[in-house]
Amino acid sequence: MKKVYVITGATSGIGKTLVQAFSKENTVFAGYRNEKYLEELKNISENIIPFYIDMEKKNSISQAAAFIKSQTDKIDTLINVAGCVVAGLMDRLDVDDIRKQFEVNTFSHLDLSQRLLPLLKDGKIINISSMASFGVFPFVGPYCASKRALDILFNSLSVESNVKVVSIKPGVIATPLWGKSVELNKKSIENCKEYEKQMQYLIKNAKKNETNGLDVHKVTDLIVKIDSMNNPKSSYTVGFDAFCANLLSKLPQDWINKAIKFGIKAKISSLK
């Protein structure tokens, strides 16, 4: 039987690969923000119904939900993929940028999910969280916090209702997200004059992640498998780095902090 999917962040990375996988035999509502990707989405499959959504704008989210409701009376799986990375030093980051981080990565997904719950019935919500949810990564504190908040809020939703929520926590994935993050955080990076080495490391690491990260299909193949399960687990890590981050997060916080400071100091001192 043909199933119905809603996928945000559908124009690149994990989202695009999921659209390609699920639209072969199912109806997929594919969320986009940039108009230049609209035709590309349409050309993937005739089973795709693109919809515009800007995760920073409440009106856009409500309009997207209204459009989806006008097109279908059921959703089998909602996959919240869209996101961004706000990076920099906590003592220099603009609090408005941190608010944006939570708006895009956390609140927008909860808003859309609440609006679509009446259509989900016995369906699933699958969230693309991150190993950052374990909270052990410097210079991307807002990103870590937004993913942790995403997990906590949706876990509460799952406990309080009959909706099955699954959190996918990948390690570093080779997606355009990392290159975009450098451009997005250009202002905060330039505002750290005394921390050139730290910011140099941040940029270098982001660019490395974009090409050397885990193949995106490692994540999407798992999601396809999870979607077929009647009773999947509430949380999955993907990749050895995510597995290690999970283990590290179970240590006392002081130990974690010392280990991170030592590791970052070693990496920064090695930069030429």
Protein backbone atom coordinates (compact mmCIF):
# COMPACT_ATOMS: atom_id res chain seq x y z
CA MET A 1 0.00 0.00 0.00
CA LYS A 2 1.21 3.46 -0.90
CA LYS A 3 2.38 5.42 2.14
CA VAL A 4 2.52 9.17 2.75
CA TYR A 5 5.68 10.93 3.98
CA VAL A 6 6.44 14.51 4.97
CA ILE A 7 10.12 15.44 4.85
CA THR A 8 11.58 18.86 5.67
CA GLY A 9 15.03 19.96 4.51
CA ALA A 10 14.40 17.96 1.35
CA THR A 11 16.75 19.74 -1.05
CA SER A 12 20.15 18.43 0.07
CA GLY A 13 21.98 15.92 2.23
CA ILE A 14 19.93 13.50 4.30
CA GLY A 15 16.60 15.06 3.30
CA LYS A 16 17.18 14.81 -0.44
CA THR A 17 18.41 11.22 -0.21
CA LEU A 18 15.31 10.28 1.82
CA VAL A 19 13.05 11.91 -0.76
CA GLN A 20 14.74 9.90 -3.50
CA ALA A 21 14.34 6.65 -1.53
CA PHE A 22 10.73 7.03 -0.40
CA SER A 23 9.27 8.64 -3.54
CA LYS A 24 9.91 5.56 -5.67
CA GLU A 25 6.69 3.92 -4.48
CA ASN A 26 5.10 6.43 -2.10
CA THR A 27 3.75 9.97 -1.91
CA VAL A 28 6.30 12.37 -0.46
CA PHE A 29 5.63 15.95 0.62
CA ALA A 30 9.07 17.53 0.24
CA GLY A 31 9.82 20.76 2.06
CA TYR A 32 12.01 23.38 0.43
CA ARG A 33 12.97 26.99 1.19
CA ASN A 34 15.02 28.05 -1.81
CA GLU A 35 12.97 28.32 -5.02
CA LYS A 36 15.94 27.27 -7.14
CA TYR A 37 15.50 23.68 -5.94
CA LEU A 38 11.79 23.43 -6.81
CA GLU A 39 12.16 22.03 -10.32
CA GLU A 40 14.90 19.66 -9.19
CA LEU A 41 12.54 18.23 -6.58
CA LYS A 42 9.74 17.81 -9.11
CA ASN A 43 12.05 15.99 -11.49
CA ILE A 44 13.00 13.30 -8.96
CA SER A 45 9.60 11.62 -9.14
CA GLU A 46 5.97 12.30 -10.02
CA ASN A 47 5.14 11.08 -6.51
CA ILE A 48 6.69 14.19 -4.96
CA ILE A 49 4.57 17.12 -3.80
CA PRO A 50 6.89 20.05 -2.98
CA PHE A 51 5.84 22.55 -0.34
CA TYR A 52 7.48 25.79 0.72
CA ILE A 53 8.55 26.12 4.35
CA ASP A 54 10.89 28.53 6.12
CA MET A 55 11.74 27.10 9.52
CA GLU A 56 12.43 30.59 10.91
CA LYS A 57 8.94 31.90 10.16
CA LYS A 58 5.85 30.80 12.10
CA ASN A 59 3.48 31.87 9.33
CA SER A 60 5.39 29.76 6.83
CA ILE A 61 5.12 26.71 9.09
CA SER A 62 1.38 27.16 9.59
CA GLN A 63 0.84 27.67 5.85
CA ALA A 64 2.89 24.56 5.05
CA ALA A 65 0.82 22.49 7.48
CA ALA A 66 -2.41 23.87 6.04
CA PHE A 67 -1.28 22.97 2.51
CA ILE A 68 -0.39 19.41 3.50
CA LYS A 69 -3.76 18.98 5.27
CA SER A 70 -5.52 20.17 2.14
CA GLN A 71 -3.80 17.47 0.08
CA THR A 72 -4.07 14.38 2.31
CA ASP A 73 -6.02 13.04 5.27
CA LYS A 74 -3.19 10.88 6.62
CA ILE A 75 0.57 10.88 7.12
CA ASP A 76 2.43 7.65 7.78
CA THR A 77 5.80 9.20 8.66
CA LEU A 78 6.94 12.76 9.36
CA ILE A 79 10.71 13.16 9.08
CA ASN A 80 12.11 16.39 10.55
CA VAL A 81 15.42 16.99 8.79
CA ALA A 82 15.85 20.75 8.27
CA GLY A 83 18.52 22.41 10.37
CA CYS A 84 21.48 24.76 10.61
CA VAL A 85 24.62 25.18 12.72
CA VAL A 86 25.35 28.29 14.80
CA ALA A 87 29.00 28.25 15.84
CA GLY A 88 31.43 30.43 17.72
CA LEU A 89 32.58 31.25 21.23
CA MET A 90 29.84 31.45 23.83
CA ASP A 91 31.11 34.72 25.26
CA ARG A 92 30.96 36.34 21.79
CA LEU A 93 27.87 34.83 20.18
CA ASP A 94 24.89 37.11 19.70
CA VAL A 95 21.99 35.74 21.74
CA ASP A 96 19.68 36.42 18.78
CA ASP A 97 21.77 33.98 16.73
CA ILE A 98 21.34 31.39 19.48
CA ARG A 99 17.58 32.02 19.40
CA LYS A 100 17.67 31.41 15.65
CA GLN A 101 19.47 28.12 16.28
CA PHE A 102 16.64 26.92 18.52
CA GLU A 103 13.97 28.29 16.21
CA VAL A 104 15.30 26.32 13.22
CA ASN A 105 16.51 23.13 14.92
CA THR A 106 13.94 22.74 17.68
CA PHE A 107 10.84 24.91 17.89
CA SER A 108 9.97 24.81 14.19
CA HIS A 109 9.91 21.00 14.20
CA LEU A 110 7.70 20.90 17.27
CA ASP A 111 5.39 23.49 15.72
CA LEU A 112 5.02 21.57 12.44
CA SER A 113 4.63 18.24 14.24
CA GLN A 114 1.88 19.58 16.52
CA ARG A 115 -0.03 20.88 13.51
CA LEU A 116 0.26 17.56 11.66
CA LEU A 117 -0.46 15.25 14.61
CA PRO A 118 -4.15 14.78 13.66
CA LEU A 119 -2.99 13.25 10.36
CA LEU A 120 -0.35 10.98 11.88
CA LYS A 121 -2.71 8.75 13.91
CA ASP A 122 -0.68 5.51 14.15
CA GLY A 123 2.28 7.00 12.29
CA LYS A 124 5.85 7.84 13.26
CA ILE A 125 7.87 10.99 13.75
CA ILE A 126 11.56 10.55 12.91
CA ASN A 127 13.85 13.39 13.97
CA ILE A 128 17.33 13.93 12.60
CA SER A 129 19.10 14.81 15.81
CA SER A 130 22.90 14.53 16.12
CA MET A 131 25.67 13.09 18.23
CA ALA A 132 25.90 16.75 19.30
CA SER A 133 22.85 15.98 21.44
CA PHE A 134 25.26 14.27 23.84
CA GLY A 135 26.68 17.74 24.45
CA VAL A 136 30.45 17.28 24.28
CA PHE A 137 31.52 19.58 21.43
CA PRO A 138 33.12 23.03 21.86
CA PHE A 139 32.48 26.02 19.56
CA VAL A 140 29.06 24.62 18.57
CA GLY A 141 27.33 24.93 21.95
CA PRO A 142 24.06 26.30 20.51
CA TYR A 143 23.86 23.44 18.02
CA CYS A 144 24.44 20.85 20.76
CA ALA A 145 21.83 22.46 22.99
CA SER A 146 19.24 22.73 20.23
CA LYS A 147 19.57 19.03 19.36
CA ARG A 148 19.40 18.02 23.02
CA ALA A 149 16.27 20.13 23.46
CA LEU A 150 14.78 18.53 20.33
CA ASP A 151 15.30 15.08 21.82
CA ILE A 152 13.88 15.98 25.22
CA LEU A 153 10.77 17.75 23.92
CA PHE A 154 9.88 15.01 21.46
CA ASN A 155 10.60 12.27 23.99
CA SER A 156 8.04 13.98 26.23
CA LEU A 157 5.60 14.02 23.31
CA SER A 158 6.13 10.29 22.86
CA VAL A 159 5.60 9.54 26.56
CA GLU A 160 2.50 11.69 26.78
CA SER A 161 0.81 10.42 23.61
CA ASN A 162 0.55 7.38 21.35
CA VAL A 163 2.85 8.86 18.72
CA LYS A 164 6.03 6.89 18.10
CA VAL A 165 9.04 9.22 18.02
CA VAL A 166 12.48 8.08 16.89
CA SER A 167 15.65 10.14 17.29
CA ILE A 168 18.46 9.52 14.80
CA LYS A 169 21.83 10.68 16.14
CA PRO A 170 24.40 10.53 13.34
CA GLY A 171 28.06 11.26 13.69
CA VAL A 172 29.69 13.59 11.18
CA ILE A 173 27.94 13.16 7.81
CA ALA A 174 29.37 14.35 4.51
CA THR A 175 26.69 16.92 3.63
CA PRO A 176 26.63 20.57 2.44
CA LEU A 177 25.54 21.57 5.97
CA TRP A 178 29.15 22.12 7.02
CA GLY A 179 30.09 24.45 4.17
CA LYS A 180 26.89 26.40 4.73
CA SER A 181 27.71 26.69 8.43
CA VAL A 182 30.99 28.47 7.72
CA GLU A 183 29.19 31.10 5.65
CA LEU A 184 26.34 31.38 8.17
CA ASN A 185 28.77 32.01 11.03
CA LYS A 186 31.13 34.33 9.17
CA LYS A 187 30.22 37.29 11.39
CA SER A 188 30.75 35.48 14.70
CA ILE A 189 34.00 33.95 13.44
CA GLU A 190 35.34 37.37 12.46
CA ASN A 191 34.35 38.67 15.90
CA CYS A 192 36.92 36.44 17.60
CA LYS A 193 40.15 38.28 16.89
CA GLU A 194 42.03 36.87 19.89
CA TYR A 195 40.99 33.33 19.02
CA GLU A 196 42.26 33.01 15.46
CA LYS A 197 43.66 29.52 16.05
CA GLN A 198 40.38 28.25 17.50
CA MET A 199 38.38 29.69 14.60
CA GLN A 200 40.92 28.38 12.11
CA TYR A 201 40.37 24.94 13.59
CA LEU A 202 36.59 25.41 13.42
CA ILE A 203 36.67 26.31 9.71
CA LYS A 204 39.16 23.59 8.82
CA ASN A 205 37.13 20.97 10.66
CA ALA A 206 33.87 22.06 8.99
CA LYS A 207 35.39 21.83 5.51
CA LYS A 208 36.89 18.42 6.32
CA ASN A 209 33.52 17.18 7.57
CA GLU A 210 31.81 18.16 4.32
CA THR A 211 33.89 15.67 2.32
CA ASN A 212 35.30 13.17 4.83
CA GLY A 213 32.19 12.49 6.89
CA LEU A 214 30.13 9.33 6.88
CA ASP A 215 28.28 8.54 3.64
CA VAL A 216 24.77 9.97 3.88
CA HIS A 217 23.32 6.64 2.76
CA LYS A 218 24.45 5.08 6.07
CA VAL A 219 21.86 7.29 7.72
CA THR A 220 19.11 7.07 5.12
CA ASP A 221 19.36 3.28 4.80
CA LEU A 222 18.85 3.00 8.56
CA ILE A 223 15.85 5.34 8.43
CA VAL A 224 14.24 3.29 5.67
CA LYS A 225 14.74 0.20 7.82
CA ILE A 226 13.35 1.91 10.93
CA ASP A 227 10.32 3.14 9.01
CA SER A 228 9.42 -0.47 8.15
CA MET A 229 9.54 -1.55 11.81
CA ASN A 230 6.39 -1.83 13.91
CA ASN A 231 8.19 -0.99 17.13
CA PRO A 232 11.58 0.68 16.58
CA LYS A 233 13.74 1.91 19.44
CA SER A 234 13.42 5.53 20.53
CA SER A 235 17.02 6.40 19.70
CA TYR A 236 19.73 5.27 17.27
CA THR A 237 23.32 6.39 16.83
CA VAL A 238 24.98 6.16 13.42
CA GLY A 239 28.75 6.00 13.03
CA PHE A 240 31.66 5.17 15.32
CA ASP A 241 32.10 8.83 16.35
CA ALA A 242 28.48 8.97 17.52
CA PHE A 243 28.99 5.73 19.47
CA CYS A 244 32.07 7.24 21.17
CA ALA A 245 30.26 10.51 21.92
CA ASN A 246 27.51 8.55 23.62
CA LEU A 247 30.04 6.69 25.78
CA LEU A 248 31.94 9.88 26.61
CA SER A 249 28.73 11.61 27.69
CA LYS A 250 28.26 9.06 30.47
CA LEU A 251 31.46 10.13 32.26
CA PRO A 252 31.46 12.78 35.01
CA GLN A 253 31.22 16.26 33.47
CA ASP A 254 34.55 17.39 34.91
CA TRP A 255 36.29 14.45 33.23
CA ILE A 256 34.58 15.26 29.94
CA ASN A 257 35.61 18.92 30.14
CA LYS A 258 39.24 18.06 30.85
CA ALA A 259 39.36 15.54 28.00
CA ILE A 260 37.86 18.03 25.54
CA LYS A 261 40.17 20.87 26.58
CA PHE A 262 43.18 18.61 26.21
CA GLY A 263 42.05 17.37 22.79
CA ILE A 264 41.26 20.84 21.44
CA LYS A 265 44.55 22.26 22.75
CA ALA A 266 46.45 19.48 20.97
CA LYS A 267 44.58 20.00 17.68
CA ILE A 268 44.99 23.78 17.75
CA SER A 269 48.70 23.61 18.58
CA SER A 270 49.21 21.37 15.55
CA LEU A 271 47.82 24.01 13.16
CA LYS A 272 50.40 25.80 11.05
